[in-house]
Every structure is written in C-alpha cells, then in structure tokens.
Protein backbone atom coordinates (compact mmCIF):
# COMPACT_ATOMS: atom_id res chain seq x y z
CA UNK A 1 -31.29 30.79 35.05
CA UNK A 2 -33.02 28.94 32.16
CA UNK A 3 -31.47 29.48 28.69
CA UNK A 4 -33.90 30.70 26.06
CA UNK A 5 -35.21 28.13 23.67
CA UNK A 6 -33.06 27.66 20.50
CA UNK A 7 -34.71 28.61 17.22
CA UNK A 8 -34.18 25.85 14.72
CA UNK A 9 -35.04 28.18 11.76
CA UNK A 10 -31.64 29.54 10.71
CA UNK A 11 -32.78 31.16 7.48
CA UNK A 12 -36.14 31.74 5.65
CA UNK A 13 -36.26 33.58 2.36
CA UNK A 14 -38.54 34.21 -0.55
CA UNK A 15 -36.85 34.33 -4.02
CA UNK A 16 -38.62 35.86 -7.07
CA UNK A 17 -36.68 35.69 -10.35
CA UNK A 18 -33.60 34.67 -8.46
CA UNK A 19 -33.71 37.72 -6.14
CA UNK A 20 -34.27 37.35 -2.47
CA UNK A 21 -37.15 39.57 -1.31
CA UNK A 22 -36.34 41.89 1.69
CA UNK A 23 -37.81 41.33 5.08
CA UNK A 24 -37.90 38.54 7.73
CA UNK A 25 -40.68 35.90 7.52
CA UNK A 26 -41.82 32.91 9.35
CA UNK A 27 -41.84 29.62 7.35
CA UNK A 28 -45.65 29.77 7.13
CA UNK A 29 -45.64 33.39 5.93
CA UNK A 30 -42.98 32.62 3.37
CA UNK A 31 -45.11 29.77 1.92
CA UNK A 32 -48.20 31.93 1.84
CA UNK A 33 -46.28 34.65 0.04
CA UNK A 34 -44.86 32.43 -2.54
CA UNK A 35 -48.28 30.88 -3.32
CA UNK A 36 -49.58 34.37 -3.77
CA UNK A 37 -46.89 36.16 -5.80
CA UNK A 38 -44.91 33.29 -7.25
CA UNK A 39 -41.20 32.34 -6.87
CA UNK A 40 -40.06 29.93 -4.29
CA UNK A 41 -39.15 29.70 -0.62
CA UNK A 42 -36.00 28.41 0.90
CA UNK A 43 -36.25 27.42 4.59
CA UNK A 44 -33.13 26.36 6.48
CA UNK A 45 -33.39 24.34 9.71
CA UNK A 46 -30.74 23.20 12.10
CA UNK A 47 -31.39 19.99 14.21
CA UNK A 48 -35.11 20.60 14.69
CA UNK A 49 -37.22 18.63 17.04
CA UNK A 50 -40.57 17.13 16.44
CA UNK A 51 -42.42 20.35 17.51
CA UNK A 52 -40.02 22.59 15.60
CA UNK A 53 -40.79 21.00 12.28
CA UNK A 54 -44.43 20.34 12.67
CA UNK A 55 -45.51 23.91 11.43
CA UNK A 56 -43.37 23.65 8.44
CA UNK A 57 -44.48 20.07 7.69
CA UNK A 58 -48.27 21.05 8.02
CA UNK A 59 -47.81 24.11 5.83
CA UNK A 60 -46.03 22.25 3.04
CA UNK A 61 -47.78 18.85 3.34
CA UNK A 62 -44.58 16.94 4.03
CA UNK A 63 -44.85 13.19 4.32
CA UNK A 64 -44.76 12.06 8.06
CA UNK A 65 -42.18 9.31 7.28
CA UNK A 66 -39.78 11.77 5.66
CA UNK A 67 -40.39 14.33 8.48
CA UNK A 68 -39.53 11.61 11.05
CA UNK A 69 -36.34 10.80 9.16
CA UNK A 70 -35.39 14.49 9.04
CA UNK A 71 -35.81 14.82 12.78
CA UNK A 72 -34.05 11.77 14.03
CA UNK A 73 -31.33 11.71 11.44
CA UNK A 74 -28.76 8.88 11.18
CA UNK A 75 -29.97 7.94 7.68
CA UNK A 76 -28.18 6.60 4.76
CA UNK A 77 -27.83 8.73 1.72
CA UNK A 78 -31.02 8.23 -0.31
CA UNK A 79 -33.76 9.81 -2.48
CA UNK A 80 -37.36 9.20 -1.78
CA UNK A 81 -40.23 10.45 -3.98
CA UNK A 82 -43.55 11.43 -2.64
CA UNK A 83 -46.55 12.84 -4.57
CA UNK A 84 -45.89 16.38 -3.60
CA UNK A 85 -42.10 16.53 -3.01
CA UNK A 86 -38.80 14.74 -3.11
CA UNK A 87 -36.81 13.82 0.02
CA UNK A 88 -33.05 13.65 -0.31
CA UNK A 89 -30.56 12.65 2.36
CA UNK A 90 -26.92 13.68 1.95
CA UNK A 91 -24.07 12.68 4.29
CA UNK A 92 -21.52 15.40 4.93
CA UNK A 93 -18.00 14.54 6.06
CA UNK A 94 -15.20 16.50 7.67
CA UNK A 95 -11.52 15.58 8.00
CA UNK A 96 -10.47 15.85 11.65
CA UNK A 97 -6.89 17.22 11.91
CA UNK A 98 -4.47 15.00 13.85
CA UNK A 99 -0.75 14.50 14.35
CA UNK A 100 -0.57 10.81 13.21
CA UNK A 101 -3.23 8.53 11.76
CA UNK A 102 -1.86 5.75 14.03
CA UNK A 103 -2.75 7.65 17.18
CA UNK A 104 -5.93 9.54 16.25
CA UNK A 105 -9.24 8.43 17.72
CA UNK A 106 -11.15 9.97 14.82
CA UNK A 107 -10.19 10.89 11.29
CA UNK A 108 -13.58 11.47 9.66
CA UNK A 109 -16.51 13.22 11.18
CA UNK A 110 -19.90 12.89 9.47
CA UNK A 111 -23.13 15.00 9.47
CA UNK A 112 -26.25 15.02 7.48
CA UNK A 113 -28.27 17.39 5.23
CA UNK A 114 -31.86 16.49 4.44
CA UNK A 115 -33.59 18.32 1.54
CA UNK A 116 -37.32 18.50 0.89
CA UNK A 117 -37.81 19.60 -2.61
CA UNK A 118 -41.18 20.79 -3.90
CA UNK A 119 -42.28 22.74 -6.92
CA UNK A 120 -42.18 26.12 -5.09
CA UNK A 121 -40.07 25.44 -1.99
CA UNK A 122 -36.93 23.75 -0.73
CA UNK A 123 -36.41 22.98 2.94
CA UNK A 124 -32.85 22.09 4.14
CA UNK A 125 -32.39 20.34 7.43
CA UNK A 126 -28.91 20.08 8.86
CA UNK A 127 -27.44 17.76 11.43
CA UNK A 128 -23.74 18.35 12.46
CA UNK A 129 -21.85 21.58 13.06
CA UNK A 130 -19.73 21.27 9.96
CA UNK A 131 -22.65 21.02 7.51
CA UNK A 132 -23.31 24.81 7.26
CA UNK A 133 -24.96 26.20 4.10
CA UNK A 134 -24.68 29.88 4.84
CA UNK A 135 -21.92 30.46 2.20
CA UNK A 136 -23.93 28.40 -0.34
CA UNK A 137 -26.89 30.68 0.15
CA UNK A 138 -24.77 33.77 -0.08
CA UNK A 139 -23.06 32.56 -3.23
CA UNK A 140 -26.42 31.78 -5.00
CA UNK A 141 -27.77 35.18 -3.95
CA UNK A 142 -24.90 36.91 -5.48
CA UNK A 143 -25.71 35.20 -8.82
CA UNK A 144 -29.59 35.57 -9.14
CA UNK A 145 -29.44 34.27 -12.70
CA UNK A 146 -28.55 30.89 -11.24
CA UNK A 147 -31.50 30.75 -8.92
CA UNK A 148 -33.92 29.41 -11.44
CA UNK A 149 -35.93 27.40 -8.70
CA UNK A 150 -35.71 24.95 -5.87
CA UNK A 151 -33.82 22.39 -7.95
CA UNK A 152 -30.93 24.83 -8.31
CA UNK A 153 -30.64 24.97 -4.55
CA UNK A 154 -30.55 21.19 -4.29
CA UNK A 155 -27.82 21.12 -6.96
CA UNK A 156 -25.74 23.74 -5.07
CA UNK A 157 -26.02 21.79 -1.89
CA UNK A 158 -25.17 18.45 -3.48
CA UNK A 159 -22.26 20.04 -5.25
CA UNK A 160 -20.99 21.47 -2.00
CA UNK A 161 -21.30 18.10 -0.28
CA UNK A 162 -19.47 16.27 -3.07
CA UNK A 163 -16.69 18.93 -3.09
CA UNK A 164 -16.40 18.22 0.67
CA UNK A 165 -15.82 14.53 -0.16
CA UNK A 166 -12.98 15.57 -2.49
CA UNK A 167 -11.30 17.58 0.20
CA UNK A 168 -11.53 14.72 2.66
CA UNK A 169 -10.28 12.18 0.19
CA UNK A 170 -7.19 14.35 -0.69
CA UNK A 171 -6.39 14.66 3.14
CA UNK A 172 -7.00 10.89 3.61
CA UNK A 173 -4.50 10.16 0.87
CA UNK A 174 -1.78 11.73 3.00
CA UNK A 175 -2.72 9.45 5.91
CA UNK A 176 -2.51 6.36 3.67
CA UNK A 177 0.87 7.50 2.33
CA UNK A 178 2.15 7.79 5.90
CA UNK A 179 0.71 4.28 6.77
CA UNK A 180 2.29 2.69 3.67
CA UNK A 181 5.68 4.14 4.59
CA UNK A 182 5.28 2.94 8.18
CA UNK A 183 4.16 -0.54 7.31
CA UNK A 184 7.11 -1.30 4.98
CA UNK A 185 9.80 0.52 7.13
CA UNK A 186 12.29 -2.14 8.23
CA UNK A 187 12.30 -1.31 11.94
CA UNK A 188 8.84 0.11 12.41
CA UNK A 189 6.72 -1.52 15.11
CA UNK A 190 3.29 -0.45 13.63
CA UNK A 191 0.65 -2.79 14.88
CA UNK A 192 -2.36 -4.24 13.01
CA UNK A 193 -4.69 -2.36 15.41
CA UNK A 194 -3.47 0.97 14.19
CA UNK A 195 -4.06 0.03 10.55
CA UNK A 196 -7.38 -1.26 11.36
CA UNK A 197 -8.33 2.06 13.00
CA UNK A 198 -7.73 3.86 9.65
CA UNK A 199 -9.68 1.24 7.90
CA UNK A 200 -12.67 1.74 10.25
CA UNK A 201 -12.57 5.39 9.49
CA UNK A 202 -12.38 4.71 5.75
CA UNK A 203 -15.60 2.62 6.32
CA UNK A 204 -17.33 5.51 7.73
CA UNK A 205 -16.27 7.62 4.66
CA UNK A 206 -17.45 4.91 2.40
CA UNK A 207 -20.85 4.70 4.11
CA UNK A 208 -21.26 8.41 3.52
CA UNK A 209 -20.24 8.37 -0.21
CA UNK A 210 -21.14 5.19 -1.95
CA UNK A 211 -24.90 5.10 -1.40
CA UNK A 212 -25.22 8.50 -3.11
CA UNK A 213 -24.71 6.94 -6.54
CA UNK A 214 -28.30 6.00 -6.96
CA UNK A 215 -29.85 9.39 -5.87
CA UNK A 216 -27.53 11.34 -8.11
CA UNK A 217 -28.36 9.10 -11.07
CA UNK A 218 -32.11 9.61 -10.50
CA UNK A 219 -31.64 13.39 -10.24
CA UNK A 220 -29.80 13.55 -13.61
CA UNK A 221 -31.71 11.05 -15.76
CA UNK A 222 -35.18 12.58 -15.64
CA UNK A 223 -36.60 10.14 -13.07
CA UNK A 224 -37.40 13.10 -10.75
CA UNK A 225 -39.30 15.28 -13.27
CA UNK A 226 -41.07 17.62 -12.75
CA UNK A 227 -39.26 18.44 -9.50
CA UNK A 228 -35.91 18.61 -11.49
CA UNK A 229 -36.33 20.46 -14.79
CA UNK A 230 -34.28 19.56 -17.81
CA UNK A 231 -32.15 22.63 -17.42
CA UNK A 232 -30.91 21.44 -14.07
CA UNK A 233 -30.31 17.90 -14.94
CA UNK A 234 -26.99 18.68 -16.78
CA UNK A 235 -25.71 20.28 -13.56
CA UNK A 236 -26.56 17.05 -11.64
CA UNK A 237 -24.70 14.99 -14.20
CA UNK A 238 -21.64 17.12 -13.46
CA UNK A 239 -22.06 16.46 -9.69
CA UNK A 240 -22.49 12.74 -10.50
CA UNK A 241 -19.24 12.71 -12.52
CA UNK A 242 -17.32 14.30 -9.54
CA UNK A 243 -18.94 11.78 -7.22
CA UNK A 244 -17.77 8.85 -9.47
CA UNK A 245 -14.25 10.00 -9.20
CA UNK A 246 -14.38 10.21 -5.41
CA UNK A 247 -16.04 6.76 -5.28
CA UNK A 248 -13.21 5.30 -7.40
CA UNK A 249 -10.61 6.75 -5.19
CA UNK A 250 -12.42 5.41 -2.09
CA UNK A 251 -12.43 1.97 -3.67
CA UNK A 252 -8.69 2.30 -4.29
CA UNK A 253 -8.22 3.20 -0.72
CA UNK A 254 -10.06 0.10 0.44
CA UNK A 255 -7.87 -2.10 -1.68
CA UNK A 256 -4.59 -0.42 -0.45
CA UNK A 257 -5.69 -0.67 3.28
CA UNK A 258 -6.57 -4.35 2.74
CA UNK A 259 -3.06 -4.93 1.35
CA UNK A 260 -1.56 -2.94 4.31
CA UNK A 261 -3.51 -4.99 6.83
CA UNK A 262 -2.24 -8.20 5.16
CA UNK A 263 1.31 -6.89 5.13
CA UNK A 264 1.17 -5.96 8.77
CA UNK A 265 -0.07 -9.32 9.75
CA UNK A 266 2.71 -10.81 7.71
CA UNK A 267 5.26 -8.63 9.43
CA UNK A 268 3.87 -9.66 12.76
CA UNK A 269 4.03 -13.30 11.92
CA UNK A 270 7.57 -12.93 10.58
CA UNK A 271 8.62 -11.03 13.70
CA UNK A 272 7.24 -13.90 15.89
CA UNK A 273 8.97 -16.48 13.79
CA UNK A 274 12.30 -14.66 14.20
CA UNK A 275 11.73 -14.39 17.89
CA UNK A 276 11.04 -18.20 18.06
CA UNK A 277 14.12 -18.83 16.00
CA UNK A 278 16.33 -16.70 18.37
CA UNK A 279 14.83 -18.49 21.44
CA UNK A 280 15.48 -21.94 19.82
CA UNK A 281 19.11 -20.99 18.91
CA UNK A 282 19.92 -19.81 22.44
CA UNK A 283 18.12 -22.89 23.86
CA UNK A 284 20.25 -25.23 21.78
CA UNK A 285 23.45 -23.43 22.98
CA UNK A 286 22.33 -23.65 26.61
CA UNK A 287 21.48 -27.36 26.18
CA UNK A 288 25.16 -28.33 25.62
CA UNK A 289 26.39 -27.36 29.08
CA UNK A 290 23.08 -28.46 30.64
CA UNK A 291 23.63 -31.98 29.14
CA UNK A 292 27.29 -32.23 30.12
CA UNK A 293 26.93 -30.94 33.61
CA UNK A 294 23.90 -33.09 34.11
CA UNK A 295 25.86 -36.26 33.22
CA UNK A 296 28.53 -35.21 35.79
CA UNK A 297 25.83 -34.67 38.41
CA UNK A 298 24.83 -38.24 38.52
CA UNK A 299 27.57 -39.20 41.01
CA UNK A 300 28.84 -42.44 39.42
CA UNK A 301 31.97 -43.92 40.89
CA UNK A 302 33.63 -45.10 37.70
CA UNK A 303 34.15 -41.90 35.70
CA UNK A 304 37.86 -41.96 34.93
CA UNK A 305 38.11 -38.30 33.94
CA UNK A 306 37.06 -37.37 37.44
CA UNK A 307 40.55 -38.35 38.56
CA UNK A 308 42.45 -36.62 35.78
CA UNK A 309 44.49 -33.66 36.70
CA UNK A 310 43.10 -31.51 33.78
CA UNK A 311 39.70 -33.28 33.61
CA UNK A 312 37.77 -30.21 34.93
CA UNK A 313 39.42 -27.65 32.67
CA UNK A 314 39.14 -29.97 29.69
CA UNK A 315 35.41 -30.45 30.21
CA UNK A 316 34.90 -26.65 30.58
CA UNK A 317 36.98 -26.19 27.47
CA UNK A 318 34.89 -28.78 25.55
CA UNK A 319 31.62 -27.25 26.66
CA UNK A 320 32.90 -23.69 25.84
CA UNK A 321 34.08 -24.80 22.47
CA UNK A 322 30.80 -26.56 21.64
CA UNK A 323 28.89 -23.47 22.71
CA UNK A 324 31.20 -21.30 20.60
CA UNK A 325 30.73 -23.48 17.48
CA UNK A 326 26.97 -23.36 17.81
CA UNK A 327 27.01 -19.59 18.45
CA UNK A 328 29.11 -19.05 15.23
CA UNK A 329 26.82 -21.36 13.26
CA UNK A 330 23.64 -19.77 14.41
CA UNK A 331 25.15 -16.26 13.89
CA UNK A 332 26.21 -17.06 10.37
CA UNK A 333 22.59 -17.85 9.44
CA UNK A 334 21.21 -14.89 11.43
CA UNK A 335 19.30 -16.92 13.99
CA UNK A 336 20.76 -14.86 16.82
CA UNK A 337 20.54 -11.35 15.39
CA UNK A 338 18.96 -9.74 12.50
CA UNK A 339 21.53 -9.18 9.81
CA UNK A 340 20.99 -5.38 9.26
CA UNK A 341 20.76 -4.52 12.95
CA UNK A 342 23.48 -6.82 14.38
CA UNK A 343 24.99 -4.98 17.43
CA UNK A 344 28.69 -4.08 17.68
CA UNK A 345 30.86 -6.71 19.41
CA UNK A 346 31.24 -4.77 22.66
CA UNK A 347 27.49 -4.29 22.80
CA UNK A 348 26.67 -8.00 22.67
CA UNK A 349 25.90 -9.80 25.92
CA UNK A 350 27.45 -12.91 24.51
CA UNK A 351 30.83 -11.21 24.08
CA UNK A 352 31.04 -10.55 27.81
CA UNK A 353 29.80 -14.05 28.73
CA UNK A 354 32.47 -15.65 26.51
CA UNK A 355 35.15 -13.36 27.88
CA UNK A 356 34.10 -14.25 31.45
CA UNK A 357 34.18 -18.01 30.71
CA UNK A 358 37.65 -17.75 29.10
CA UNK A 359 39.02 -15.77 32.05
CA UNK A 360 37.48 -18.37 34.42
CA UNK A 361 38.95 -21.27 32.52
CA UNK A 362 42.38 -19.61 32.43
CA UNK A 363 42.19 -19.09 36.22
CA UNK A 364 41.26 -22.86 36.71
CA UNK A 365 44.12 -24.09 34.60
CA UNK A 366 46.70 -21.76 36.28
CA UNK A 367 45.29 -22.88 39.67
CA UNK A 368 45.71 -26.61 38.79
CA UNK A 369 49.24 -26.03 37.63
C-alpha cells in the first residue's frame, strides 16, 4: 500500500494588525488575500522538494538561486539580498544526550531554517526534526501587539535559534569539564582520539554559530531596509549581543580543547618514555647474568674458578648481588615503578624471583657442603 504524499506546508496564516485571520488557506490564496486586504502572510514549509516549493516561489517571485538553496539545504549561515526579498539561512543545533563525551558518536546535531522575507510575507523553510517553530508561532499569536510585520517573525526565529545556541553551549561546558578532569587525572588512560572527537563536534558547533555574525550585523544596522524597519532593528541588536556572547564562549572552548589535545599528547609521550625507561632498566638487570653466564659458556680450559669448591655458588651470589644492586638503584629513581602507584612487596614479581634465587643458592651451598 502506497503511503499518501507528505504535505510540506505545515502552516499558512494571514495576519492583519497582528491577529491571525480564521480559516485554512493555500499559500497562493494567502498571498492573494494579503495583497487585497493588507497585513502579511506567514508560510511554513518542512523539507520541501522542487515541485513543492515551485507554486510558492512563483506566487511570491522568489529568486531561483535562493529557492534552490532552500530545497537542497546544507548551507552556511548567510544573508542574501534580492530586489524583492531577503534570504536568510540560520543553522539550528541540538545537544545529543549521552553518557560520556569520550564514548559518544555524536554530541551536536545540526539543522537549518531558511527565511524568505518580503514586504508582506515571510516564508520559513525547515530542515531537521529539531528545528520546529510551532511554539514560536503560538507565542507570537498570543501577543498580537508584537506582530508588527514579517521582520518581527524573522526576529523571533533568529532569537529562538540563538537561544538554542546558548542551551547547547551550556551543555557542552559540562562535557569539557569532564574532559579536563579526565585528561589531568593521574591514572586516566584517556586517548587523544577521544579528545579529538569532542573537538570535531565543537567544530560543527562553530560552523553553525560563527558565520551568523555578518547577517545579524546587517539586520541590525539598517543595511536591510526597507525589509527590516527601524522599530525591529533594536531587537536584532539584542539578538546580536546574545550571539556575541555565545561566539566568545565557543572561542574559549576551542582554546581549551587545543590545550587538552596538547596535554593528552604530552601524557602519551610521557607514558611512552616511562615504558621505555622501565624496559631499559629491566634490560640492564638481565644483562648482568647474560654477560656472566655467556662468559662461562665459552668452554675455556684455563678458568681457575671452575675447579673451586664454592665457585658455582660464588658466581651465582655475585650475579644475584649485582642484580640486586641494580634493582635497588633503579627503584630508587623510579625507573621500575611509578612512585605513587608502586605495588606492595608481596605483589611484586621481582620479590618472588629474588626469593626463588636465594632459596636456590642456599640449596646449592648446602648441597656442596
């Protein structure tokens, strides 16, 4: 059974003096009514296709390049001015809940809202499930004195998007605090790949936020008149101020993550150096018996100590003593164990090796006697 085609028009209303007029309309009928009785039309679309948006574009005279961008999405935040309308792209972001930032595959999910702003209409095109505007529309309809015109709708949408940035940044701060604690924990094994994953998600957040500086500045400084009246520019300046605060925090996050990446790399390098130091220390200890027993394995005839009664235990004692001296020396300078996490004596493998060798040596001496 074939599913019915999805209607991309999620809302279409006519507003006169801030009050939504009763009745359902098609976008074309709403535009015709506005141009007859005044007011403005607000048309909401969700992920429209080329055919879905064509009627709206023809009725409003939307520029084909802007229409193409609205359909295919994946745009950077921007503002484009055309003779009959403005085209604004806003990136929405949503914080994806997770147990830990070091194991999450995704922290920030992005969407898009495109806005066509004309003198007597506003068309919002959404991409992404989390970029809904239903509550924005309801809030404005409860306060008709705020619905002065299409620019008011654009301000409400931009304000909601920037407020979403603030929520995501607050949540992201918790992830960075977790990472900072993990990176500088003495025994944590956090890898640089996990820190880089968070840095990659921050980059996506930055791509959504930073390019919006220019569009908000243009909306607040009079560049976009007459589409944005003087009365609405003050409100856009407030949105711009909130956006500046968010951008500053994101910049601070970038600096902190760069520091954490460097610190993680330094910890990895230090850990590798410690491992090499331990390997070198144990190799030096093992080299002593290897050298001595190698000399005795050359089968020379004139080696006086081979005929001594206590030659064998004395050689073993000398080798064991030399290994013990090296072991104590390396342990004193923490070449064998990390100072804070040195194991208890009975838990050290070396303790049992030394005990075995001493028992063996005692048995050899007693056997000779």
